[in-house]
């Protein structure tokens, strides 16, 4: 495969050009070689790494975790237990996030159930959101009417 510019690498990898530049900046992928005119050039190995990064992002790994995974992937002498430990820690994080999302869903379902959804202005959904909001003092010189 011949060298590709960033647009071609983006198309081949499924990673946007903006994200490719970001991944270079944060060190997930090595800085691309440059043409005499300063354009980035990517090879097959770069595209393969971008695929790897995209798949890891699709699984919800953080940039830091992906950096670790890329390092482990490139280290052919690494023990697989390190990879497994990282993946297991990520599963625990995902389980926690899933529990938090389910709790948010249950709270919202309860509020929706309590709201009559009629022509009256009373709304427990808005009342609950307002109760959690910080108190903002009224502005001086302005109207305090709501």
C-alpha atoms as a PDB file:
ATOM      1  CA  UNK A   1       0.000   0.000   0.000  1.00  0.00           C
ATOM      2  CA  UNK A   2       1.346   3.423  -0.923  1.00  0.00           C
ATOM      3  CA  UNK A   3       1.556   6.305   1.507  1.00  0.00           C
ATOM      4  CA  UNK A   4      -1.785   7.971   2.196  1.00  0.00           C
ATOM      5  CA  UNK A   5      -2.671  11.509   3.146  1.00  0.00           C
ATOM      6  CA  UNK A   6      -4.758  12.118   6.268  1.00  0.00           C
ATOM      7  CA  UNK A   7      -8.061  12.057   4.353  1.00  0.00           C
ATOM      8  CA  UNK A   8      -7.251   8.706   2.794  1.00  0.00           C
ATOM      9  CA  UNK A   9      -6.095   7.307   6.147  1.00  0.00           C
ATOM     10  CA  UNK A  10      -9.305   8.556   7.740  1.00  0.00           C
ATOM     11  CA  UNK A  11     -11.413   6.847   5.100  1.00  0.00           C
ATOM     12  CA  UNK A  12      -9.413   3.608   5.297  1.00  0.00           C
ATOM     13  CA  UNK A  13      -9.524   3.461   9.104  1.00  0.00           C
ATOM     14  CA  UNK A  14     -12.962   4.873   9.885  1.00  0.00           C
ATOM     15  CA  UNK A  15     -11.350   7.499  12.133  1.00  0.00           C
ATOM     16  CA  UNK A  16     -11.902  11.163  11.294  1.00  0.00           C
ATOM     17  CA  UNK A  17      -8.954  13.317  10.290  1.00  0.00           C
ATOM     18  CA  UNK A  18      -9.567  15.475  13.356  1.00  0.00           C
ATOM     19  CA  UNK A  19      -9.319  12.432  15.636  1.00  0.00           C
ATOM     20  CA  UNK A  20      -6.201  11.189  13.838  1.00  0.00           C
ATOM     21  CA  UNK A  21      -4.509  14.521  14.602  1.00  0.00           C
ATOM     22  CA  UNK A  22      -5.725  14.272  18.212  1.00  0.00           C
ATOM     23  CA  UNK A  23      -4.440  10.707  18.581  1.00  0.00           C
ATOM     24  CA  UNK A  24      -1.058  11.847  17.288  1.00  0.00           C
ATOM     25  CA  UNK A  25      -1.052  14.762  19.716  1.00  0.00           C
ATOM     26  CA  UNK A  26      -1.796  12.561  22.744  1.00  0.00           C
ATOM     27  CA  UNK A  27       0.671   9.889  21.621  1.00  0.00           C
ATOM     28  CA  UNK A  28      -1.700   7.022  20.776  1.00  0.00           C
ATOM     29  CA  UNK A  29      -0.197   6.818  17.329  1.00  0.00           C
ATOM     30  CA  UNK A  30       3.258   7.949  16.276  1.00  0.00           C
ATOM     31  CA  UNK A  31       3.603  11.287  14.541  1.00  0.00           C
ATOM     32  CA  UNK A  32       3.127  10.824  10.826  1.00  0.00           C
ATOM     33  CA  UNK A  33       5.962  11.290   8.431  1.00  0.00           C
ATOM     34  CA  UNK A  34       5.686  14.446   6.360  1.00  0.00           C
ATOM     35  CA  UNK A  35       6.104  15.290   2.723  1.00  0.00           C
ATOM     36  CA  UNK A  36       8.420  18.119   1.696  1.00  0.00           C
ATOM     37  CA  UNK A  37       5.301  20.295   1.594  1.00  0.00           C
ATOM     38  CA  UNK A  38       4.467  19.330   5.208  1.00  0.00           C
ATOM     39  CA  UNK A  39       1.524  17.011   4.535  1.00  0.00           C
ATOM     40  CA  UNK A  40       1.109  14.026   6.797  1.00  0.00           C
ATOM     41  CA  UNK A  41       1.688  10.587   5.272  1.00  0.00           C
ATOM     42  CA  UNK A  42       0.385   7.315   6.660  1.00  0.00           C
ATOM     43  CA  UNK A  43       1.189   3.728   5.850  1.00  0.00           C
ATOM     44  CA  UNK A  44      -0.572   0.423   6.283  1.00  0.00           C
ATOM     45  CA  UNK A  45       0.739  -0.022   9.839  1.00  0.00           C
ATOM     46  CA  UNK A  46      -0.647   3.395  10.812  1.00  0.00           C
ATOM     47  CA  UNK A  47      -4.072   2.502   9.447  1.00  0.00           C
ATOM     48  CA  UNK A  48      -3.941  -0.817  11.306  1.00  0.00           C
ATOM     49  CA  UNK A  49      -3.183   1.036  14.553  1.00  0.00           C
ATOM     50  CA  UNK A  50      -6.020   3.475  13.862  1.00  0.00           C
ATOM     51  CA  UNK A  51      -8.385   0.496  13.425  1.00  0.00           C
ATOM     52  CA  UNK A  52      -7.176  -0.855  16.754  1.00  0.00           C
ATOM     53  CA  UNK A  53      -7.746   2.504  18.470  1.00  0.00           C
ATOM     54  CA  UNK A  54     -11.200   2.871  16.919  1.00  0.00           C
ATOM     55  CA  UNK A  55     -12.250  -0.586  18.101  1.00  0.00           C
ATOM     56  CA  UNK A  56     -10.971   0.142  21.613  1.00  0.00           C
ATOM     57  CA  UNK A  57     -12.898   3.442  21.636  1.00  0.00           C
ATOM     58  CA  UNK A  58     -16.016   1.595  20.461  1.00  0.00           C
ATOM     59  CA  UNK A  59     -15.666  -0.590  23.570  1.00  0.00           C
ATOM     60  CA  UNK A  60     -15.485   2.513  25.749  1.00  0.00           C
ATOM     61  CA  UNK A  61     -11.836   2.403  26.753  1.00  0.00           C
ATOM     62  CA  UNK A  62     -10.389   5.762  27.779  1.00  0.00           C
ATOM     63  CA  UNK A  63      -7.517   7.384  25.917  1.00  0.00           C
ATOM     64  CA  UNK A  64      -5.148   6.396  28.748  1.00  0.00           C
ATOM     65  CA  UNK A  65      -6.360   2.792  28.663  1.00  0.00           C
ATOM     66  CA  UNK A  66      -6.004   2.691  24.896  1.00  0.00           C
ATOM     67  CA  UNK A  67      -2.455   3.955  25.264  1.00  0.00           C
ATOM     68  CA  UNK A  68      -1.758   1.010  27.560  1.00  0.00           C
ATOM     69  CA  UNK A  69      -3.460  -1.405  25.170  1.00  0.00           C
ATOM     70  CA  UNK A  70      -1.490  -0.121  22.183  1.00  0.00           C
ATOM     71  CA  UNK A  71       1.716  -0.529  24.170  1.00  0.00           C
ATOM     72  CA  UNK A  72       0.776  -4.069  25.151  1.00  0.00           C
ATOM     73  CA  UNK A  73      -0.273  -4.872  21.578  1.00  0.00           C
ATOM     74  CA  UNK A  74       3.095  -3.769  20.220  1.00  0.00           C
ATOM     75  CA  UNK A  75       4.999  -5.669  22.928  1.00  0.00           C
ATOM     76  CA  UNK A  76       4.968  -9.208  21.572  1.00  0.00           C
ATOM     77  CA  UNK A  77       6.622 -10.481  24.787  1.00  0.00           C
ATOM     78  CA  UNK A  78       3.934  -9.117  27.102  1.00  0.00           C
ATOM     79  CA  UNK A  79       1.995 -11.536  29.283  1.00  0.00           C
ATOM     80  CA  UNK A  80      -1.653 -11.723  28.314  1.00  0.00           C
ATOM     81  CA  UNK A  81      -2.614 -11.423  31.994  1.00  0.00           C
ATOM     82  CA  UNK A  82      -1.799  -7.687  31.782  1.00  0.00           C
ATOM     83  CA  UNK A  83      -4.250  -7.272  28.922  1.00  0.00           C
ATOM     84  CA  UNK A  84      -6.870  -9.335  30.722  1.00  0.00           C
ATOM     85  CA  UNK A  85      -6.455  -7.315  33.926  1.00  0.00           C
ATOM     86  CA  UNK A  86      -6.958  -4.078  32.009  1.00  0.00           C
ATOM     87  CA  UNK A  87     -10.055  -5.463  30.280  1.00  0.00           C
ATOM     88  CA  UNK A  88     -11.479  -6.772  33.566  1.00  0.00           C
ATOM     89  CA  UNK A  89     -10.982  -3.372  35.221  1.00  0.00           C
ATOM     90  CA  UNK A  90     -12.813  -1.785  32.293  1.00  0.00           C
ATOM     91  CA  UNK A  91     -15.672  -4.265  32.695  1.00  0.00           C
ATOM     92  CA  UNK A  92     -15.988  -3.212  36.353  1.00  0.00           C
ATOM     93  CA  UNK A  93     -16.098   0.443  35.264  1.00  0.00           C
ATOM     94  CA  UNK A  94     -18.775  -0.364  32.681  1.00  0.00           C
ATOM     95  CA  UNK A  95     -20.828  -2.239  35.293  1.00  0.00           C
ATOM     96  CA  UNK A  96     -20.685   0.786  37.598  1.00  0.00           C
ATOM     97  CA  UNK A  97     -21.722   3.125  34.782  1.00  0.00           C
ATOM     98  CA  UNK A  98     -24.558   0.769  33.853  1.00  0.00           C
ATOM     99  CA  UNK A  99     -25.825   0.791  37.454  1.00  0.00           C
ATOM    100  CA  UNK A 100     -25.645   4.592  37.523  1.00  0.00           C
ATOM    101  CA  UNK A 101     -27.569   4.817  34.249  1.00  0.00           C
ATOM    102  CA  UNK A 102     -30.239   2.422  35.522  1.00  0.00           C
ATOM    103  CA  UNK A 103     -30.602   4.481  38.707  1.00  0.00           C
ATOM    104  CA  UNK A 104     -31.029   7.653  36.633  1.00  0.00           C
ATOM    105  CA  UNK A 105     -33.594   5.886  34.468  1.00  0.00           C
ATOM    106  CA  UNK A 106     -35.547   4.671  37.511  1.00  0.00           C
ATOM    107  CA  UNK A 107     -35.580   8.154  39.025  1.00  0.00           C
ATOM    108  CA  UNK A 108     -36.766   9.705  35.787  1.00  0.00           C
ATOM    109  CA  UNK A 109     -39.429   7.003  35.328  1.00  0.00           C
ATOM    110  CA  UNK A 110     -40.710   7.745  38.850  1.00  0.00           C
ATOM    111  CA  UNK A 111     -40.853  11.472  38.117  1.00  0.00           C
ATOM    112  CA  UNK A 112     -42.644  10.871  34.815  1.00  0.00           C
ATOM    113  CA  UNK A 113     -45.148   8.638  36.633  1.00  0.00           C
ATOM    114  CA  UNK A 114     -45.762  11.386  39.207  1.00  0.00           C
ATOM    115  CA  UNK A 115     -46.298  14.081  36.570  1.00  0.00           C
ATOM    116  CA  UNK A 116     -49.904  14.380  35.439  1.00  0.00           C
ATOM    117  CA  UNK A 117     -48.875  15.697  32.050  1.00  0.00           C
ATOM    118  CA  UNK A 118     -52.033  17.800  31.788  1.00  0.00           C
ATOM    119  CA  UNK A 119     -52.797  21.505  31.321  1.00  0.00           C
ATOM    120  CA  UNK A 120     -51.829  22.398  34.888  1.00  0.00           C
ATOM    121  CA  UNK A 121     -48.441  24.025  35.462  1.00  0.00           C
ATOM    122  CA  UNK A 122     -47.565  21.746  38.408  1.00  0.00           C
ATOM    123  CA  UNK A 123     -44.736  19.447  37.358  1.00  0.00           C
ATOM    124  CA  UNK A 124     -42.793  17.209  39.749  1.00  0.00           C
ATOM    125  CA  UNK A 125     -40.094  16.732  37.112  1.00  0.00           C
ATOM    126  CA  UNK A 126     -39.272  20.441  37.018  1.00  0.00           C
ATOM    127  CA  UNK A 127     -39.753  20.767  40.795  1.00  0.00           C
ATOM    128  CA  UNK A 128     -37.195  18.015  41.411  1.00  0.00           C
ATOM    129  CA  UNK A 129     -34.710  19.523  38.968  1.00  0.00           C
ATOM    130  CA  UNK A 130     -35.160  22.956  40.542  1.00  0.00           C
ATOM    131  CA  UNK A 131     -34.668  21.531  44.049  1.00  0.00           C
ATOM    132  CA  UNK A 132     -31.301  20.152  42.996  1.00  0.00           C
ATOM    133  CA  UNK A 133     -30.220  23.436  41.385  1.00  0.00           C
ATOM    134  CA  UNK A 134     -28.016  25.887  43.282  1.00  0.00           C
ATOM    135  CA  UNK A 135     -29.754  28.899  44.730  1.00  0.00           C
ATOM    136  CA  UNK A 136     -29.107  31.972  42.605  1.00  0.00           C
ATOM    137  CA  UNK A 137     -29.679  35.304  44.364  1.00  0.00           C
ATOM    138  CA  UNK A 138     -31.988  37.726  42.542  1.00  0.00           C
ATOM    139  CA  UNK A 139     -30.277  40.325  40.389  1.00  0.00           C
ATOM    140  CA  UNK A 140     -30.302  43.860  41.718  1.00  0.00           C
ATOM    141  CA  UNK A 141     -32.290  46.349  39.717  1.00  0.00           C
ATOM    142  CA  UNK A 142     -34.097  43.655  37.799  1.00  0.00           C
ATOM    143  CA  UNK A 143     -37.516  42.205  38.180  1.00  0.00           C
ATOM    144  CA  UNK A 144     -37.829  39.321  40.604  1.00  0.00           C
ATOM    145  CA  UNK A 145     -41.110  38.197  39.112  1.00  0.00           C
ATOM    146  CA  UNK A 146     -41.016  34.753  37.604  1.00  0.00           C
END
